[in-house]
Protein backbone atom coordinates (compact mmCIF):
# COMPACT_ATOMS: atom_id res chain seq x y z
CA MET A 1 5.73 -15.58 -12.46
CA SER A 2 3.73 -13.36 -10.26
CA ASP A 3 0.49 -10.91 -11.83
CA SER A 4 0.68 -9.16 -8.71
CA ASN A 5 4.55 -8.37 -9.48
CA GLN A 6 3.23 -4.23 -10.91
CA TYR A 7 4.90 -0.95 -10.77
CA ASP A 8 3.53 0.92 -8.69
CA ASP A 9 3.28 4.41 -10.57
CA GLU A 10 0.80 6.37 -8.13
CA GLN A 11 0.52 9.91 -8.77
CA TYR A 12 1.19 12.05 -5.47
CA ASP A 13 4.96 11.67 -5.12
CA ASP A 14 6.23 14.96 -4.14
CA HIS A 15 7.50 17.59 -6.86
CA ASP A 16 7.85 20.50 -4.08
CA GLY A 17 11.27 22.45 -3.62
CA VAL A 18 12.80 20.86 -6.51
CA GLU A 19 15.82 22.57 -7.42
CA ASP A 20 16.06 24.00 -10.62
CA LEU A 21 18.99 22.98 -12.71
CA GLY A 22 18.25 26.18 -15.10
CA PRO A 23 17.72 26.36 -18.54
CA LEU A 24 19.36 23.73 -20.79
CA ASP A 25 19.49 24.64 -24.65
CA ASP A 26 19.03 21.39 -26.18
CA THR A 27 16.45 19.20 -28.00
CA ALA A 28 18.19 16.10 -29.04
CA GLY A 29 18.94 14.29 -25.60
CA VAL A 30 20.98 12.89 -25.16
CA ARG A 31 21.83 8.89 -25.88
CA ILE A 32 21.41 6.18 -23.13
CA PRO A 33 21.82 2.07 -23.17
CA VAL A 34 18.37 0.50 -24.04
CA GLY A 35 19.68 -3.13 -23.22
CA PRO A 36 22.13 -5.41 -21.72
CA SER A 37 23.63 -5.47 -25.45
CA GLY A 38 24.54 -2.01 -24.25
CA ASP A 39 23.00 -1.01 -27.83
CA GLN A 40 22.49 2.85 -28.09
CA ALA A 41 19.16 4.44 -28.76
CA PRO A 42 17.85 8.23 -28.23
CA ALA A 43 16.46 9.39 -24.81
CA GLU A 44 12.86 9.36 -23.90
CA ALA A 45 11.52 12.67 -25.18
CA LEU A 46 11.27 14.66 -22.21
CA PRO A 47 11.33 17.80 -22.41
CA TYR A 48 14.69 18.84 -21.01
CA GLY A 49 15.41 22.30 -20.42
CA GLY A 50 12.30 23.38 -22.97
CA ASP A 51 10.57 25.07 -20.68
CA ASP A 52 10.39 29.00 -20.74
CA ASP A 53 9.63 31.80 -17.90
CA GLU A 54 5.42 31.50 -19.43
CA VAL A 55 5.64 27.58 -18.39
CA ARG A 56 7.48 27.83 -15.41
CA ARG A 57 4.78 30.97 -14.47
CA VAL A 58 2.08 28.54 -14.91
CA GLU A 59 3.51 26.26 -13.26
CA ALA A 60 4.42 28.88 -10.19
CA ALA A 61 0.33 29.52 -10.38
CA LEU A 62 -0.83 25.67 -10.04
CA TYR A 63 1.56 25.39 -7.04
CA ALA A 64 0.40 27.92 -5.26
CA ARG A 65 -2.82 26.34 -4.53
CA ILE A 66 -3.47 23.32 -2.00
CA GLY A 67 -0.91 20.05 -2.93
CA GLU A 68 -1.13 16.72 -4.67
CA GLN A 69 -1.12 15.40 -1.02
CA ALA A 70 -4.40 16.94 0.37
CA PRO A 71 -7.01 16.04 -2.30
CA GLU A 72 -10.50 17.16 -1.62
CA ARG A 73 -12.90 14.10 -1.65
CA ARG A 74 -15.60 16.21 -3.96
CA LEU A 75 -16.28 16.35 -7.75
CA THR A 76 -18.56 19.43 -7.15
CA ALA A 77 -15.55 21.77 -7.52
CA THR A 78 -14.27 20.35 -10.52
CA ARG A 79 -17.67 20.02 -12.47
CA ARG A 80 -18.44 23.53 -11.70
CA ALA A 81 -15.25 24.42 -13.01
CA VAL A 82 -15.87 22.15 -16.78
CA GLU A 83 -19.37 23.37 -16.91
CA LEU A 84 -18.42 27.32 -17.18
CA LEU A 85 -16.05 25.90 -19.59
CA GLY A 86 -18.65 24.47 -22.00
CA ASP A 87 -17.77 20.77 -20.51
CA PRO A 88 -14.75 20.36 -22.81
CA HIS A 89 -14.65 16.84 -21.32
CA LEU A 90 -17.52 15.91 -23.65
CA ALA A 91 -16.02 16.68 -26.85
CA TYR A 92 -14.18 12.97 -27.43
CA PRO A 93 -14.11 9.51 -25.98
CA VAL A 94 -12.11 8.59 -22.75
CA ILE A 95 -10.32 5.60 -21.66
CA HIS A 96 -10.09 6.09 -17.63
CA VAL A 97 -6.71 4.36 -15.79
CA THR A 98 -7.25 3.48 -11.81
CA GLY A 99 -5.05 1.19 -9.88
CA THR A 100 -2.16 1.41 -7.60
CA ASN A 101 0.45 -0.30 -9.44
CA GLY A 102 1.34 0.21 -13.15
CA LYS A 103 -1.24 3.01 -13.67
CA THR A 104 1.68 5.46 -15.49
CA SER A 105 3.01 2.63 -18.11
CA THR A 106 -0.45 0.76 -18.39
CA ALA A 107 -1.80 4.05 -19.12
CA ARG A 108 1.28 4.94 -22.06
CA MET A 109 0.98 1.83 -24.07
CA THR A 110 -2.70 2.25 -24.42
CA GLU A 111 -2.39 5.58 -25.77
CA SER A 112 0.05 4.39 -28.40
CA ILE A 113 -1.56 1.91 -29.38
CA VAL A 114 -4.71 3.93 -30.09
CA ARG A 115 -2.31 6.48 -32.08
CA ALA A 116 -1.41 3.81 -33.66
CA HIS A 117 -4.84 3.33 -35.27
CA GLY A 118 -4.41 6.91 -36.95
CA LEU A 119 -6.56 8.31 -34.09
CA ARG A 120 -4.91 11.78 -32.29
CA THR A 121 -5.05 11.38 -28.73
CA GLY A 122 -4.52 13.11 -25.58
CA LEU A 123 -2.84 11.15 -22.42
CA MET A 124 -3.29 12.82 -18.73
CA THR A 125 -0.17 11.17 -16.23
CA SER A 126 1.34 11.92 -13.04
CA PRO A 127 3.11 12.95 -11.59
CA HIS A 128 6.29 14.56 -14.14
CA LEU A 129 10.42 13.55 -14.11
CA VAL A 130 11.45 16.72 -15.67
CA SER A 131 8.65 18.74 -17.16
CA ILE A 132 4.83 19.68 -15.87
CA ARG A 133 4.14 19.44 -19.44
CA GLU A 134 4.51 15.72 -19.33
CA ARG A 135 1.24 15.21 -17.88
CA ILE A 136 -1.02 16.54 -20.51
CA VAL A 137 0.61 15.02 -23.69
CA VAL A 138 -0.98 15.00 -27.81
CA ASP A 139 0.02 13.12 -30.16
CA GLY A 140 2.52 11.56 -28.33
CA GLU A 141 4.14 14.81 -27.30
CA PRO A 142 4.39 17.04 -24.79
CA VAL A 143 1.74 19.90 -25.18
CA ALA A 144 3.66 22.62 -26.50
CA ALA A 145 4.82 25.61 -24.21
CA ASP A 146 3.00 27.90 -26.22
CA ARG A 147 -0.36 25.70 -25.83
CA PHE A 148 0.04 25.00 -22.39
CA VAL A 149 0.47 28.59 -21.48
CA GLU A 150 -2.41 30.18 -23.98
CA ASN A 151 -5.11 27.92 -22.70
CA TRP A 152 -4.09 28.40 -18.82
CA ASP A 153 -4.87 31.88 -19.62
CA ASP A 154 -7.92 31.09 -20.86
CA ILE A 155 -8.93 28.87 -18.39
CA THR A 156 -7.80 31.59 -15.29
CA PRO A 157 -10.49 33.43 -15.45
CA ILE A 158 -12.75 30.63 -15.20
CA LEU A 159 -10.91 29.09 -12.16
CA GLU A 160 -10.92 32.29 -10.44
CA MET A 161 -15.08 32.86 -10.79
CA THR A 162 -14.95 28.87 -9.58
CA ASP A 163 -12.74 29.65 -6.25
CA ARG A 164 -14.93 32.39 -5.72
CA GLU A 165 -18.15 30.64 -5.59
CA LEU A 166 -16.57 27.59 -3.06
CA SER A 167 -15.23 30.44 -1.12
CA GLU A 168 -18.59 31.64 -0.75
CA LYS A 169 -20.11 28.06 0.59
CA GLY A 170 -17.04 27.79 3.07
CA GLU A 171 -15.71 25.49 0.67
CA GLN A 172 -11.82 25.15 -0.48
CA PRO A 173 -10.86 26.52 -3.79
CA LEU A 174 -9.80 24.10 -6.35
CA THR A 175 -6.53 22.11 -5.78
CA PHE A 176 -3.83 21.66 -7.72
CA PHE A 177 -4.57 18.68 -9.39
CA GLU A 178 -8.34 19.88 -9.98
CA ALA A 179 -7.25 22.65 -11.68
CA LEU A 180 -4.25 20.38 -13.70
CA THR A 181 -7.21 18.58 -14.73
CA VAL A 182 -9.37 21.13 -15.56
CA LEU A 183 -5.98 22.46 -17.78
CA ALA A 184 -5.65 18.51 -19.46
CA LEU A 185 -8.92 18.52 -20.50
CA ALA A 186 -8.92 22.18 -21.84
CA CYS A 187 -5.62 21.25 -23.76
CA PHE A 188 -7.45 18.58 -25.45
CA ALA A 189 -10.58 20.50 -26.85
CA GLU A 190 -8.48 22.28 -27.69
CA ALA A 191 -6.34 20.37 -30.35
CA PRO A 192 -8.76 18.83 -30.71
CA VAL A 193 -7.95 15.20 -29.58
CA ASP A 194 -9.90 12.07 -30.90
CA VAL A 195 -10.04 10.38 -27.98
CA ALA A 196 -8.35 10.75 -24.06
CA VAL A 197 -6.54 8.81 -21.71
CA ILE A 198 -6.23 9.69 -18.33
CA GLU A 199 -4.70 8.76 -15.80
CA VAL A 200 -6.31 9.08 -12.25
CA GLY A 201 -4.77 11.27 -9.55
CA MET A 202 -5.54 9.50 -6.77
CA GLY A 203 -8.32 7.00 -5.44
CA GLY A 204 -10.80 7.29 -8.62
CA GLU A 205 -14.23 8.01 -7.23
CA TRP A 206 -14.11 11.72 -6.08
CA ASP A 207 -10.56 11.88 -8.04
CA SER A 208 -11.18 15.33 -10.09
CA THR A 209 -10.62 13.29 -13.27
CA ASN A 210 -13.61 11.53 -12.62
CA VAL A 211 -16.28 13.73 -14.32
CA VAL A 212 -15.61 12.00 -17.71
CA GLN A 213 -17.87 10.27 -19.15
CA SER A 214 -15.75 7.20 -20.45
CA GLN A 215 -16.38 4.31 -22.41
CA VAL A 216 -13.38 2.16 -21.11
CA GLN A 217 -12.65 1.82 -17.47
CA VAL A 218 -8.61 0.09 -16.52
CA ILE A 219 -8.55 -0.94 -12.80
CA THR A 220 -4.62 -2.20 -12.25
CA PRO A 221 -3.31 -4.24 -9.56
CA VAL A 222 -5.29 -2.76 -6.60
CA ALA A 223 -2.74 -2.36 -3.31
CA ILE A 224 -2.15 -0.32 -0.09
CA ASP A 225 -0.92 2.65 -0.69
CA HIS A 226 -1.96 6.28 0.42
CA ALA A 227 -3.85 4.26 3.33
CA LYS A 228 -5.07 8.04 5.10
CA GLN A 229 -6.65 8.92 2.27
CA LEU A 230 -8.09 6.03 0.30
CA GLY A 231 -8.21 3.22 3.40
CA SER A 232 -6.97 0.59 5.45
CA THR A 233 -7.55 -2.74 3.46
CA VAL A 234 -7.45 -3.36 -0.26
CA ALA A 235 -11.00 -3.98 -0.23
CA GLU A 236 -11.55 -0.05 0.87
CA ILE A 237 -9.09 1.00 -1.83
CA ALA A 238 -10.56 -1.09 -4.21
CA ARG A 239 -14.21 0.16 -3.99
CA THR A 240 -12.71 3.80 -4.02
CA LYS A 241 -11.09 2.89 -7.24
CA SER A 242 -14.07 1.33 -8.53
CA GLY A 243 -16.16 4.68 -8.74
CA ILE A 244 -14.35 5.43 -11.92
CA ILE A 245 -16.70 2.61 -13.12
CA LYS A 246 -19.51 4.35 -15.89
CA PRO A 247 -23.40 3.11 -16.74
CA SER A 248 -22.84 0.44 -19.44
CA SER A 249 -18.96 0.46 -19.95
CA SER A 250 -16.38 -1.53 -20.59
CA VAL A 251 -14.06 -2.58 -17.27
CA VAL A 252 -10.87 -4.51 -18.14
CA SER A 253 -8.99 -5.24 -14.72
CA SER A 254 -5.63 -6.92 -14.07
CA ALA A 255 -5.63 -10.10 -12.27
CA GLN A 256 -6.49 -8.88 -8.55
CA THR A 257 -6.51 -10.21 -5.24
CA PRO A 258 -9.94 -11.96 -4.17
CA GLU A 259 -10.89 -8.84 -1.94
CA ALA A 260 -10.00 -6.41 -4.72
CA LEU A 261 -11.83 -8.50 -7.81
CA ALA A 262 -14.90 -8.89 -5.47
CA GLU A 263 -15.47 -4.94 -4.94
CA LEU A 264 -14.87 -4.45 -8.98
CA GLU A 265 -17.10 -7.39 -10.04
CA ARG A 266 -20.02 -5.55 -7.54
CA ALA A 267 -19.38 -2.18 -9.31
CA ALA A 268 -19.55 -3.77 -12.90
CA GLU A 269 -23.19 -5.59 -11.56
CA LEU A 270 -24.34 -2.12 -10.43
CA THR A 271 -23.56 -0.49 -13.63
CA GLU A 272 -24.91 -3.38 -15.78
CA SER A 273 -20.91 -3.02 -17.36
CA THR A 274 -19.22 -5.59 -19.04
CA LEU A 275 -15.68 -6.75 -16.74
CA ALA A 276 -12.73 -8.66 -18.41
CA VAL A 277 -10.08 -9.31 -16.16
CA GLU A 278 -6.66 -10.89 -16.70
CA GLY A 279 -6.45 -14.60 -16.34
CA THR A 280 -10.26 -15.30 -17.44
CA GLY A 281 -10.78 -13.20 -19.99
CA PHE A 282 -7.61 -12.07 -21.08
CA SER A 283 -3.63 -13.17 -21.23
CA VAL A 284 -0.34 -13.35 -21.26
CA VAL A 285 0.51 -16.40 -23.02
CA SER A 286 4.36 -16.16 -23.19
CA ASP A 287 7.42 -13.38 -22.54
CA THR A 288 10.95 -13.69 -23.30
CA PRO A 289 13.57 -11.02 -22.46
CA ALA A 290 15.12 -9.51 -25.58
CA VAL A 291 17.61 -6.93 -26.61
CA GLY A 292 15.81 -3.43 -25.44
CA GLY A 293 12.38 -4.95 -23.96
CA GLN A 294 10.71 -8.07 -24.60
CA LEU A 295 8.78 -10.57 -26.91
CA VAL A 296 5.14 -11.19 -25.63
CA THR A 297 2.44 -13.00 -26.59
CA VAL A 298 -1.08 -11.75 -25.40
CA GLN A 299 -4.66 -14.12 -26.15
CA GLY A 300 -6.26 -10.88 -25.96
CA ILE A 301 -10.51 -10.60 -25.13
CA ALA A 302 -11.00 -10.63 -29.29
CA GLY A 303 -7.66 -12.28 -30.54
CA ARG A 304 -4.35 -14.13 -30.23
CA TYR A 305 -1.04 -11.95 -30.76
CA ASP A 306 2.27 -13.61 -31.53
CA ASP A 307 5.33 -12.55 -30.78
CA LEU A 308 4.87 -8.81 -29.97
CA PHE A 309 7.84 -6.55 -28.83
CA VAL A 310 7.43 -4.62 -26.08
CA PRO A 311 10.32 -2.45 -25.65
CA LEU A 312 9.68 -2.28 -21.51
CA PHE A 313 11.75 -4.10 -19.11
CA GLY A 314 10.00 -6.82 -16.50
CA GLN A 315 7.48 -9.30 -16.46
CA HIS A 316 4.96 -6.44 -14.84
CA GLN A 317 5.47 -4.65 -18.31
CA ALA A 318 4.06 -7.93 -20.02
CA HIS A 319 0.88 -7.76 -18.00
CA ASN A 320 0.91 -4.11 -18.64
CA ALA A 321 1.22 -4.80 -22.30
CA ALA A 322 -1.78 -7.45 -21.88
CA VAL A 323 -3.83 -5.32 -19.61
CA ALA A 324 -3.57 -2.51 -22.52
CA ILE A 325 -4.24 -4.52 -25.18
CA ALA A 326 -8.09 -5.36 -23.67
CA ALA A 327 -8.22 -1.82 -23.07
CA VAL A 328 -8.25 -0.72 -26.61
CA GLU A 329 -10.12 -3.74 -28.01
CA SER A 330 -12.69 -2.74 -26.00
CA PHE A 331 -12.49 0.70 -26.54
CA LEU A 332 -12.19 -0.08 -30.33
CA GLY A 333 -14.95 -2.65 -31.25
CA ARG A 334 -15.79 -3.66 -27.32
CA GLY A 335 -14.31 -6.75 -27.24
CA SER A 336 -15.63 -8.24 -30.08
CA GLN A 337 -13.26 -7.48 -32.87
CA ALA A 338 -9.27 -8.72 -32.92
CA LEU A 339 -7.04 -5.74 -33.90
CA ASP A 340 -4.91 -5.91 -36.66
CA GLU A 341 -1.57 -6.82 -35.49
CA ASP A 342 0.78 -5.19 -37.22
CA VAL A 343 -0.84 -1.91 -36.01
CA LEU A 344 -0.81 -3.04 -32.77
CA SER A 345 2.87 -4.12 -32.90
CA GLU A 346 3.57 -0.93 -34.45
CA GLY A 347 1.95 0.98 -31.30
CA LEU A 348 3.76 -0.87 -28.44
CA ALA A 349 6.89 -0.78 -30.27
CA ALA A 350 6.59 2.80 -30.01
CA ALA A 351 5.49 3.12 -26.06
CA THR A 352 7.97 4.61 -23.60
CA SER A 353 7.50 4.79 -19.87
CA PRO A 354 10.08 7.02 -18.66
CA GLY A 355 11.79 6.73 -15.29
CA ARG A 356 10.83 3.00 -15.11
CA LEU A 357 14.00 0.42 -15.35
CA GLN A 358 15.32 2.89 -17.57
CA PRO A 359 19.15 2.84 -18.59
CA ILE A 360 20.68 6.57 -18.58
CA ALA A 361 24.47 6.26 -18.58
CA GLN A 362 27.11 3.86 -18.63
CA GLU A 363 30.25 3.30 -17.49
CA PRO A 364 29.07 2.35 -15.30
CA THR A 365 25.50 1.75 -16.04
CA VAL A 366 22.70 3.94 -14.26
CA VAL A 367 19.49 2.90 -14.02
CA VAL A 368 16.53 4.64 -13.06
CA ASP A 369 13.37 3.11 -11.22
CA ALA A 370 10.05 4.87 -10.14
CA ALA A 371 9.18 1.96 -7.90
CA HIS A 372 8.39 3.60 -4.41
CA ASN A 373 7.31 1.19 -2.06
CA PRO A 374 6.93 -2.22 -0.89
CA HIS A 375 5.04 -4.20 -3.99
CA GLY A 376 6.95 -1.84 -6.90
CA ALA A 377 10.11 -2.79 -5.11
CA ARG A 378 9.69 -6.66 -5.11
CA ALA A 379 8.52 -6.25 -8.72
CA LEU A 380 11.69 -4.24 -9.51
CA ALA A 381 13.80 -6.78 -7.40
CA GLU A 382 12.53 -9.50 -10.20
CA ALA A 383 13.13 -7.54 -13.11
CA LEU A 384 16.28 -6.05 -12.81
CA PRO A 385 18.71 -9.23 -13.04
CA VAL A 386 16.43 -10.31 -15.80
CA ALA A 387 16.69 -6.87 -17.86
CA PHE A 388 20.44 -5.95 -17.25
CA PRO A 389 22.43 -8.76 -15.26
CA SER A 390 25.09 -7.68 -12.45
CA GLU A 391 27.08 -9.53 -9.76
CA HIS A 392 27.41 -5.96 -7.55
CA VAL A 393 24.61 -3.65 -7.73
CA VAL A 394 24.92 -0.45 -5.87
CA GLY A 395 21.72 1.26 -5.00
CA VAL A 396 21.10 4.97 -4.54
CA VAL A 397 18.13 5.22 -2.23
CA GLY A 398 15.61 7.65 -1.01
CA ILE A 399 11.98 7.98 -0.01
CA LEU A 400 9.16 10.25 1.23
CA GLY A 401 8.75 10.22 4.85
CA ASP A 402 4.84 8.89 4.49
CA LYS A 403 5.92 5.42 2.45
CA ASP A 404 6.88 2.07 3.96
CA ALA A 405 10.36 2.86 4.06
CA ARG A 406 11.25 -0.74 5.92
CA GLY A 407 9.08 -2.93 3.22
CA PHE A 408 10.54 -0.76 0.38
CA VAL A 409 14.54 -2.44 1.91
CA ARG A 410 13.68 -5.63 2.89
CA ALA A 411 12.59 -5.70 -1.20
CA LEU A 412 15.38 -4.94 -2.28
CA LYS A 413 17.90 -5.88 0.42
CA ASP A 414 18.89 -9.30 -1.52
CA THR A 415 18.99 -7.40 -4.97
CA VAL A 416 21.40 -4.36 -3.66
CA GLU A 417 25.06 -5.31 -2.85
CA THR A 418 25.29 -1.23 -0.86
CA PHE A 419 22.77 1.21 -0.29
CA VAL A 420 23.94 4.50 -0.65
CA VAL A 421 21.37 6.40 1.40
CA THR A 422 20.00 9.79 0.05
CA GLN A 423 16.94 11.67 0.81
CA PRO A 424 14.72 13.21 -2.49
CA PRO A 425 13.96 16.89 -2.64
CA GLY A 426 11.13 18.66 -0.95
CA ASP A 427 9.53 18.65 2.44
CA ARG A 428 8.38 14.92 2.39
CA ALA A 429 11.52 13.47 2.37
CA LEU A 430 11.99 10.99 4.85
CA ASP A 431 16.06 12.39 6.29
CA ALA A 432 18.92 10.55 5.06
CA ASP A 433 20.22 9.67 8.45
CA ALA A 434 16.69 8.73 9.87
CA PHE A 435 16.11 6.54 6.75
CA ALA A 436 19.82 5.06 6.71
CA ARG A 437 18.94 3.78 10.31
CA ILE A 438 16.43 1.47 8.72
CA VAL A 439 18.46 0.58 6.02
CA VAL A 440 20.85 -0.84 8.41
CA ALA A 441 18.27 -2.27 10.99
CA GLU A 442 17.99 -4.54 7.57
CA VAL A 443 20.52 -5.19 5.85
CA GLY A 444 23.76 -4.12 8.48
CA GLU A 445 26.49 -0.91 8.65
CA ASP A 446 28.67 -2.66 6.42
CA ARG A 447 25.64 -2.04 3.23
CA VAL A 448 24.94 1.59 3.96
CA VAL A 449 26.38 4.53 2.58
CA VAL A 450 25.17 8.32 3.42
CA GLU A 451 24.83 11.04 1.26
CA PRO A 452 22.30 13.42 1.63
CA SER A 453 23.18 15.11 -1.23
CA LEU A 454 21.38 13.19 -3.78
CA GLU A 455 24.33 14.93 -6.74
CA GLN A 456 26.76 13.46 -3.82
CA ALA A 457 25.28 9.99 -3.29
CA LEU A 458 24.95 9.53 -7.39
CA GLN A 459 28.74 9.79 -7.31
CA GLU A 460 29.69 7.55 -5.01
CA ALA A 461 27.59 4.94 -5.83
CA ARG A 462 29.23 5.34 -9.51
CA ASP A 463 32.69 5.25 -7.41
CA LEU A 464 31.66 2.29 -5.72
CA ALA A 465 30.47 0.53 -8.64
CA ASP A 466 34.20 0.92 -10.46
CA GLU A 467 35.79 -0.11 -8.30
CA ALA A 468 34.16 -3.28 -7.37
CA ASP A 469 35.08 -6.55 -8.14
CA ALA A 470 32.49 -7.32 -11.14
CA GLU A 471 32.62 -5.74 -14.78
CA ASP A 472 28.88 -5.51 -14.93
CA ALA A 473 28.41 -3.70 -11.51
CA LEU A 474 25.37 -0.92 -12.35
CA VAL A 475 23.87 1.91 -10.39
CA LEU A 476 20.32 1.40 -9.29
CA VAL A 477 18.37 4.27 -8.23
CA ALA A 478 15.13 4.25 -7.07
CA GLY A 479 13.06 5.20 -3.88
CA SER A 480 11.16 7.87 -5.42
CA ILE A 481 9.52 9.54 -9.17
CA VAL A 482 10.86 12.97 -8.21
CA MET A 483 13.94 11.33 -7.18
CA VAL A 484 14.26 9.80 -10.21
CA GLY A 485 13.78 12.99 -12.35
CA LYS A 486 16.11 14.89 -10.81
CA VAL A 487 18.89 11.83 -11.40
CA MET A 488 17.72 11.99 -15.02
CA GLU A 489 18.29 15.92 -15.00
CA LEU A 490 21.67 15.70 -13.44
CA VAL A 491 23.04 12.78 -16.28
CA HIS A 492 21.17 14.62 -18.87
CA ALA A 493 23.27 17.63 -17.34
CA GLU A 494 26.45 15.89 -17.24
CA GLY A 495 25.50 14.69 -21.04
CA LEU A 496 25.47 18.34 -22.66
CA ARG A 497 28.38 19.25 -20.75
CA SER A 498 30.00 16.33 -22.34
CA GLY A 499 29.14 17.08 -25.90
CA GLY A 500 25.43 16.09 -26.21
CA GLY A 501 27.23 12.27 -25.60
CA ALA A 502 26.13 9.87 -22.90
CA ALA A 503 27.29 10.46 -19.44
CA LYS A 504 30.08 8.68 -18.95
């Protein structure tokens, strides 16, 4: 079992140019299989088709700003905006989450555990799969459309004032992510929440979310990604991410490479903070696959917790759960008081992480996963055969142009039998033909099919799985978070057209 096999949940996947499926009048969601047994459960609570014209107006205003792929290395702009708003981010304590891999899942589990303790929670994660409102969650649900719009309208004059001040100084106006951060912080204050779990957008030190004064900082595994923005070595990237550590705070870290750990230890020492690291400060004692997830035993910072049900697949999620438990122990009792095991069990059992090794359809089974770099793909290759045993996996793969496409394919070539190569929505997507040349070089021409249209690629993969000489053949969709979201929308729409049941 490798402690480093964590999913890459890096925030800045592309949502530009995503085709709008139009409003879908549904609230219940399709039903999906949740494990190898084929048991049924409601789909993740994603707001499919729930965004009205007013929400789309706000989304358009956000995307009119400088995009997520061009973050400004500054905190002054966001600080000025929240100062003009009356510092809403100081109205609640914060658990701040950074890292390269596993951030979103860890943040979601942390929030669920805290909420199970009776606290009203806010959660900010990125990117979104279906609706921009997924990025701002209050009490376990995407922020209500009316609150999303009203809070945006309330802060717009402040954003415009900040933009003018920045322009007068010759600086760029607030970016998409800076404005989104201000909106999230305002939504949490208006709710109001008792605690917010906030995931970093990119890096840490100069990320706009770092205006918060967090009590607990969480660093999930650090690896090389976004090298252009963050640095070309693990040490450089870890140094940037350690910038979220605040004086005299509690720092919780996943197992790290020696070079990353050295940077975290240096930052904790300089800030006189405590540092609990997986492997020495807390650990996964055991994890056993189970229907719908796994049973995990964790030795936390303050107590041992046996046979906790984690409704997420893969050993990496067991490690993410251990980090989340340690984070909550640090938040509620500074790591000196064990959590109530019944409350902890309730919180973990209710945790979700949409788009992470998630089955969304059957006959054949379709599984989506957000892995989009070699590290994430290796974790996927390790987890998929355990969660969804199959003798024939057909992969629908597409990737962004700035990712390590060859490394991604190498990680999956022993897991996927046939690669249906396509391209994600958006301008940053690697052209399907260009990606196909890379895939062919790695696995051979006889294992590759090229279909630029994502919808057609999904259908081609389903047909190949149906024709395969294996009753348990399945379709795996991976390579881009925005592509996963698009496929989830497509399958959801199929379910509606067929009467609301699971897509067949």
